[in-house]
Amino acid sequence: MLRWLRGFVPPVAACQSEDDYFLYQILFEDLDPSEDGVVDIKELKEGLEYWSSSFGKESEK
């Protein structure tokens, strides 16, 4: 089944520059402190709390 789907899904997301890819890499590394290549629920929750606090309340306006 996955081999069949592979033909429909592009290997790299369209319309992304190298800068976008680099920013996603930084975000993933921040969300995966255990460096196991998987972001579990706990890591995601902690990472999102960190990122939201780094923007502050002024950025929500």
PDB file of N, CA and C in Angstrom:
ATOM      1  N   MET A   1       0.825  -1.203   0.000  1.00  0.00           N
ATOM      2  CA  MET A   1       0.000   0.000   0.000  1.00  0.00           C
ATOM      3  C   MET A   1       0.862   1.257   0.000  1.00  0.00           C
ATOM      4  N   LEU A   2       1.899   1.279   0.851  1.00  0.00           N
ATOM      5  CA  LEU A   2       2.748   2.470   0.902  1.00  0.00           C
ATOM      6  C   LEU A   2       3.497   2.688  -0.397  1.00  0.00           C
ATOM      7  N   ARG A   3       3.920   1.610  -1.054  1.00  0.00           N
ATOM      8  CA  ARG A   3       4.590   1.772  -2.342  1.00  0.00           C
ATOM      9  C   ARG A   3       3.652   2.400  -3.355  1.00  0.00           C
ATOM     10  N   TRP A   4       2.404   2.015  -3.304  1.00  0.00           N
ATOM     11  CA  TRP A   4       1.414   2.564  -4.217  1.00  0.00           C
ATOM     12  C   TRP A   4       1.231   4.057  -3.975  1.00  0.00           C
ATOM     13  N   LEU A   5       1.195   4.473  -2.699  1.00  0.00           N
ATOM     14  CA  LEU A   5       1.036   5.890  -2.369  1.00  0.00           C
ATOM     15  C   LEU A   5       2.262   6.715  -2.721  1.00  0.00           C
ATOM     16  N   ARG A   6       3.422   6.097  -2.718  1.00  0.00           N
ATOM     17  CA  ARG A   6       4.657   6.827  -2.984  1.00  0.00           C
ATOM     18  C   ARG A   6       4.619   7.543  -4.329  1.00  0.00           C
ATOM     19  N   GLY A   7       3.922   6.998  -5.297  1.00  0.00           N
ATOM     20  CA  GLY A   7       3.827   7.626  -6.606  1.00  0.00           C
ATOM     21  C   GLY A   7       3.012   8.912  -6.606  1.00  0.00           C
ATOM     22  N   PHE A   8       2.160   9.102  -5.614  1.00  0.00           N
ATOM     23  CA  PHE A   8       1.299  10.275  -5.552  1.00  0.00           C
ATOM     24  C   PHE A   8       1.835  11.380  -4.658  1.00  0.00           C
ATOM     25  N   VAL A   9       2.746  11.051  -3.785  1.00  0.00           N
ATOM     26  CA  VAL A   9       3.261  12.027  -2.824  1.00  0.00           C
ATOM     27  C   VAL A   9       4.650  12.462  -3.265  1.00  0.00           C
ATOM     28  N   PRO A  10       4.851  13.756  -3.498  1.00  0.00           N
ATOM     29  CA  PRO A  10       6.189  14.218  -3.885  1.00  0.00           C
ATOM     30  C   PRO A  10       7.182  14.006  -2.747  1.00  0.00           C
ATOM     31  N   PRO A  11       8.434  13.678  -3.067  1.00  0.00           N
ATOM     32  CA  PRO A  11       9.424  13.427  -2.020  1.00  0.00           C
ATOM     33  C   PRO A  11       9.738  14.655  -1.176  1.00  0.00           C
ATOM     34  N   VAL A  12       9.632  15.828  -1.752  1.00  0.00           N
ATOM     35  CA  VAL A  12       9.892  17.077  -1.033  1.00  0.00           C
ATOM     36  C   VAL A  12       8.674  17.976  -1.230  1.00  0.00           C
ATOM     37  N   ALA A  13       8.280  18.657  -0.191  1.00  0.00           N
ATOM     38  CA  ALA A  13       7.125  19.553  -0.304  1.00  0.00           C
ATOM     39  C   ALA A  13       7.395  20.622  -1.357  1.00  0.00           C
ATOM     40  N   ALA A  14       6.402  20.897  -2.152  1.00  0.00           N
ATOM     41  CA  ALA A  14       6.552  21.870  -3.228  1.00  0.00           C
ATOM     42  C   ALA A  14       6.607  23.291  -2.676  1.00  0.00           C
ATOM     43  N   CYS A  15       7.229  24.163  -3.417  1.00  0.00           N
ATOM     44  CA  CYS A  15       7.281  25.593  -3.104  1.00  0.00           C
ATOM     45  C   CYS A  15       7.996  25.892  -1.791  1.00  0.00           C
ATOM     46  N   GLN A  16       9.014  25.152  -1.482  1.00  0.00           N
ATOM     47  CA  GLN A  16       9.798  25.448  -0.288  1.00  0.00           C
ATOM     48  C   GLN A  16      11.223  25.778  -0.710  1.00  0.00           C
ATOM     49  N   SER A  17      11.737  26.826  -0.102  1.00  0.00           N
ATOM     50  CA  SER A  17      13.108  27.210  -0.386  1.00  0.00           C
ATOM     51  C   SER A  17      14.042  26.496   0.581  1.00  0.00           C
ATOM     52  N   GLU A  18      15.320  26.639   0.356  1.00  0.00           N
ATOM     53  CA  GLU A  18      16.308  26.065   1.273  1.00  0.00           C
ATOM     54  C   GLU A  18      16.181  26.677   2.662  1.00  0.00           C
ATOM     55  N   ASP A  19      15.827  27.967   2.726  1.00  0.00           N
ATOM     56  CA  ASP A  19      15.646  28.626   4.024  1.00  0.00           C
ATOM     57  C   ASP A  19      14.498  27.993   4.804  1.00  0.00           C
ATOM     58  N   ASP A  20      13.382  27.692   4.103  1.00  0.00           N
ATOM     59  CA  ASP A  20      12.253  27.043   4.766  1.00  0.00           C
ATOM     60  C   ASP A  20      12.671  25.688   5.323  1.00  0.00           C
ATOM     61  N   TYR A  21      13.392  24.920   4.523  1.00  0.00           N
ATOM     62  CA  TYR A  21      13.851  23.600   4.961  1.00  0.00           C
ATOM     63  C   TYR A  21      14.731  23.730   6.198  1.00  0.00           C
ATOM     64  N   PHE A  22      15.619  24.713   6.204  1.00  0.00           N
ATOM     65  CA  PHE A  22      16.512  24.935   7.342  1.00  0.00           C
ATOM     66  C   PHE A  22      15.721  25.302   8.598  1.00  0.00           C
ATOM     67  N   LEU A  23      14.693  26.151   8.451  1.00  0.00           N
ATOM     68  CA  LEU A  23      13.867  26.539   9.599  1.00  0.00           C
ATOM     69  C   LEU A  23      13.102  25.347  10.161  1.00  0.00           C
ATOM     70  N   TYR A  24      12.587  24.473   9.285  1.00  0.00           N
ATOM     71  CA  TYR A  24      11.904  23.263   9.760  1.00  0.00           C
ATOM     72  C   TYR A  24      12.877  22.334  10.476  1.00  0.00           C
ATOM     73  N   GLN A  25      14.101  22.277   9.994  1.00  0.00           N
ATOM     74  CA  GLN A  25      15.114  21.448  10.643  1.00  0.00           C
ATOM     75  C   GLN A  25      15.406  21.965  12.053  1.00  0.00           C
ATOM     76  N   ILE A  26      15.540  23.269  12.201  1.00  0.00           N
ATOM     77  CA  ILE A  26      15.782  23.862  13.525  1.00  0.00           C
ATOM     78  C   ILE A  26      14.602  23.583  14.448  1.00  0.00           C
ATOM     79  N   LEU A  27      13.388  23.768  13.944  1.00  0.00           N
ATOM     80  CA  LEU A  27      12.194  23.511  14.748  1.00  0.00           C
ATOM     81  C   LEU A  27      12.151  22.054  15.191  1.00  0.00           C
ATOM     82  N   PHE A  28      12.415  21.129  14.277  1.00  0.00           N
ATOM     83  CA  PHE A  28      12.381  19.710  14.633  1.00  0.00           C
ATOM     84  C   PHE A  28      13.435  19.383  15.678  1.00  0.00           C
ATOM     85  N   GLU A  29      14.630  19.938  15.523  1.00  0.00           N
ATOM     86  CA  GLU A  29      15.682  19.683  16.507  1.00  0.00           C
ATOM     87  C   GLU A  29      15.301  20.238  17.877  1.00  0.00           C
ATOM     88  N   ASP A  30      14.621  21.375  17.906  1.00  0.00           N
ATOM     89  CA  ASP A  30      14.154  21.932  19.179  1.00  0.00           C
ATOM     90  C   ASP A  30      13.059  21.070  19.800  1.00  0.00           C
ATOM     91  N   LEU A  31      12.203  20.491  18.969  1.00  0.00           N
ATOM     92  CA  LEU A  31      11.116  19.660  19.476  1.00  0.00           C
ATOM     93  C   LEU A  31      11.573  18.250  19.844  1.00  0.00           C
ATOM     94  N   ASP A  32      12.756  17.848  19.422  1.00  0.00           N
ATOM     95  CA  ASP A  32      13.258  16.492  19.669  1.00  0.00           C
ATOM     96  C   ASP A  32      14.545  16.536  20.495  1.00  0.00           C
ATOM     97  N   PRO A  33      14.456  16.918  21.782  1.00  0.00           N
ATOM     98  CA  PRO A  33      15.672  17.026  22.598  1.00  0.00           C
ATOM     99  C   PRO A  33      16.359  15.683  22.849  1.00  0.00           C
ATOM    100  N   SER A  34      15.626  14.578  22.751  1.00  0.00           N
ATOM    101  CA  SER A  34      16.235  13.261  22.961  1.00  0.00           C
ATOM    102  C   SER A  34      17.031  12.806  21.741  1.00  0.00           C
ATOM    103  N   GLU A  35      16.870  13.505  20.615  1.00  0.00           N
ATOM    104  CA  GLU A  35      17.579  13.234  19.359  1.00  0.00           C
ATOM    105  C   GLU A  35      17.404  11.799  18.876  1.00  0.00           C
ATOM    106  N   ASP A  36      16.182  11.263  19.065  1.00  0.00           N
ATOM    107  CA  ASP A  36      15.905   9.919  18.573  1.00  0.00           C
ATOM    108  C   ASP A  36      15.194   9.929  17.219  1.00  0.00           C
ATOM    109  N   GLY A  37      14.966  11.118  16.670  1.00  0.00           N
ATOM    110  CA  GLY A  37      14.333  11.237  15.363  1.00  0.00           C
ATOM    111  C   GLY A  37      12.818  11.175  15.394  1.00  0.00           C
ATOM    112  N   VAL A  38      12.252  11.134  16.606  1.00  0.00           N
ATOM    113  CA  VAL A  38      10.803  11.059  16.771  1.00  0.00           C
ATOM    114  C   VAL A  38      10.383  12.100  17.796  1.00  0.00           C
ATOM    115  N   VAL A  39       9.333  12.846  17.483  1.00  0.00           N
ATOM    116  CA  VAL A  39       8.790  13.813  18.436  1.00  0.00           C
ATOM    117  C   VAL A  39       7.553  13.171  19.060  1.00  0.00           C
ATOM    118  N   ASP A  40       7.673  12.793  20.338  1.00  0.00           N
ATOM    119  CA  ASP A  40       6.519  12.198  21.010  1.00  0.00           C
ATOM    120  C   ASP A  40       5.632  13.294  21.595  1.00  0.00           C
ATOM    121  N   ILE A  41       4.522  12.897  22.168  1.00  0.00           N
ATOM    122  CA  ILE A  41       3.538  13.859  22.673  1.00  0.00           C
ATOM    123  C   ILE A  41       4.138  14.756  23.749  1.00  0.00           C
ATOM    124  N   LYS A  42       4.903  14.174  24.655  1.00  0.00           N
ATOM    125  CA  LYS A  42       5.514  14.959  25.737  1.00  0.00           C
ATOM    126  C   LYS A  42       6.471  16.008  25.168  1.00  0.00           C
ATOM    127  N   GLU A  43       7.328  15.596  24.231  1.00  0.00           N
ATOM    128  CA  GLU A  43       8.273  16.535  23.621  1.00  0.00           C
ATOM    129  C   GLU A  43       7.537  17.627  22.851  1.00  0.00           C
ATOM    130  N   LEU A  44       6.472  17.253  22.153  1.00  0.00           N
ATOM    131  CA  LEU A  44       5.700  18.238  21.395  1.00  0.00           C
ATOM    132  C   LEU A  44       5.065  19.260  22.327  1.00  0.00           C
ATOM    133  N   LYS A  45       4.464  18.781  23.406  1.00  0.00           N
ATOM    134  CA  LYS A  45       3.822  19.686  24.363  1.00  0.00           C
ATOM    135  C   LYS A  45       4.839  20.642  24.974  1.00  0.00           C
ATOM    136  N   GLU A  46       5.978  20.107  25.434  1.00  0.00           N
ATOM    137  CA  GLU A  46       7.010  20.955  26.038  1.00  0.00           C
ATOM    138  C   GLU A  46       7.585  21.932  25.020  1.00  0.00           C
ATOM    139  N   GLY A  47       7.801  21.459  23.800  1.00  0.00           N
ATOM    140  CA  GLY A  47       8.346  22.324  22.762  1.00  0.00           C
ATOM    141  C   GLY A  47       7.408  23.452  22.384  1.00  0.00           C
ATOM    142  N   LEU A  48       6.120  23.146  22.262  1.00  0.00           N
ATOM    143  CA  LEU A  48       5.150  24.187  21.921  1.00  0.00           C
ATOM    144  C   LEU A  48       4.989  25.188  23.049  1.00  0.00           C
ATOM    145  N   GLU A  49       5.056  24.716  24.296  1.00  0.00           N
ATOM    146  CA  GLU A  49       5.007  25.648  25.429  1.00  0.00           C
ATOM    147  C   GLU A  49       6.218  26.578  25.400  1.00  0.00           C
ATOM    148  N   TYR A  50       7.388  26.026  25.093  1.00  0.00           N
ATOM    149  CA  TYR A  50       8.604  26.842  25.011  1.00  0.00           C
ATOM    150  C   TYR A  50       8.480  27.866  23.887  1.00  0.00           C
ATOM    151  N   TRP A  51       8.063  27.422  22.708  1.00  0.00           N
ATOM    152  CA  TRP A  51       7.974  28.325  21.570  1.00  0.00           C
ATOM    153  C   TRP A  51       6.924  29.400  21.798  1.00  0.00           C
ATOM    154  N   SER A  52       5.785  29.050  22.395  1.00  0.00           N
ATOM    155  CA  SER A  52       4.747  30.066  22.620  1.00  0.00           C
ATOM    156  C   SER A  52       5.188  31.076  23.666  1.00  0.00           C
ATOM    157  N   SER A  53       5.938  30.638  24.677  1.00  0.00           N
ATOM    158  CA  SER A  53       6.413  31.585  25.688  1.00  0.00           C
ATOM    159  C   SER A  53       7.516  32.478  25.139  1.00  0.00           C
ATOM    160  N   SER A  54       8.251  32.004  24.144  1.00  0.00           N
ATOM    161  CA  SER A  54       9.326  32.822  23.582  1.00  0.00           C
ATOM    162  C   SER A  54       8.777  33.962  22.727  1.00  0.00           C
ATOM    163  N   PHE A  55       7.534  33.821  22.223  1.00  0.00           N
ATOM    164  CA  PHE A  55       6.931  34.893  21.442  1.00  0.00           C
ATOM    165  C   PHE A  55       6.310  35.953  22.332  1.00  0.00           C
ATOM    166  N   GLY A  56       5.843  35.573  23.492  1.00  0.00           N
ATOM    167  CA  GLY A  56       5.256  36.522  24.431  1.00  0.00           C
ATOM    168  C   GLY A  56       3.839  36.903  24.077  1.00  0.00           C
ATOM    169  N   LYS A  57       3.197  37.570  24.979  1.00  0.00           N
ATOM    170  CA  LYS A  57       1.793  37.953  24.788  1.00  0.00           C
ATOM    171  C   LYS A  57       1.648  39.081  23.779  1.00  0.00           C
ATOM    172  N   GLU A  58       2.656  39.913  23.615  1.00  0.00           N
ATOM    173  CA  GLU A  58       2.565  41.039  22.679  1.00  0.00           C
ATOM    174  C   GLU A  58       2.459  40.562  21.236  1.00  0.00           C
ATOM    175  N   SER A  59       3.024  39.398  20.915  1.00  0.00           N
ATOM    176  CA  SER A  59       2.990  38.917  19.541  1.00  0.00           C
ATOM    177  C   SER A  59       1.606  38.423  19.140  1.00  0.00           C
ATOM    178  N   GLU A  60       0.727  38.158  20.113  1.00  0.00           N
ATOM    179  CA  GLU A  60      -0.614  37.679  19.808  1.00  0.00           C
ATOM    180  C   GLU A  60      -1.518  38.791  19.303  1.00  0.00           C
ATOM    181  N   LYS A  61      -1.154  40.034  19.519  1.00  0.00           N
ATOM    182  CA  LYS A  61      -2.008  41.160  19.108  1.00  0.00           C
ATOM    183  C   LYS A  61      -1.805  41.510  17.662  1.00  0.00           C
TER     184      LYS A  61
END
